[in-house]
Structure formats: structure tokens, C-alpha cells
Amino acid sequence: MLGTILVVMLLLMLVGALPTWGHSRSWGYGPSGGLGFIVLIVIVLVLMGRF
């Protein structure tokens, strides 16, 4: 249950950090790339049953 909530929150943060939004346009792809990597790791851990 906790893993599902964490994945949903990380996905929402990833969408908020995309450089298409006005507030994050000057950030580039760094924050969304970093959050995407974290989401990928959490998804792999959830699928393996370790989270």
C-alpha cells in the first residue's frame, strides 16, 4: 500500500517538474530526469516485492 502511494506521489512530482509548465520552463530537463529515475527505481522495487 505504501509503495503505491509513493509511486503516485512521485509521478505527480514528475508531471509538475516537466519543462512545459510556466513555473519550470527555465529549469531544463534536470529535475524531471532525476524524478523519472527515482520513479523507475521505485517501480522496480515494487515489482520485485521489496518495497
Foldseek 3Di string as FASTA:
>chain_A
DVLVVVLVVLVVVLVVCDLVDPVNVVVPCVVNVVSVVVSVVSVVCVVVVND
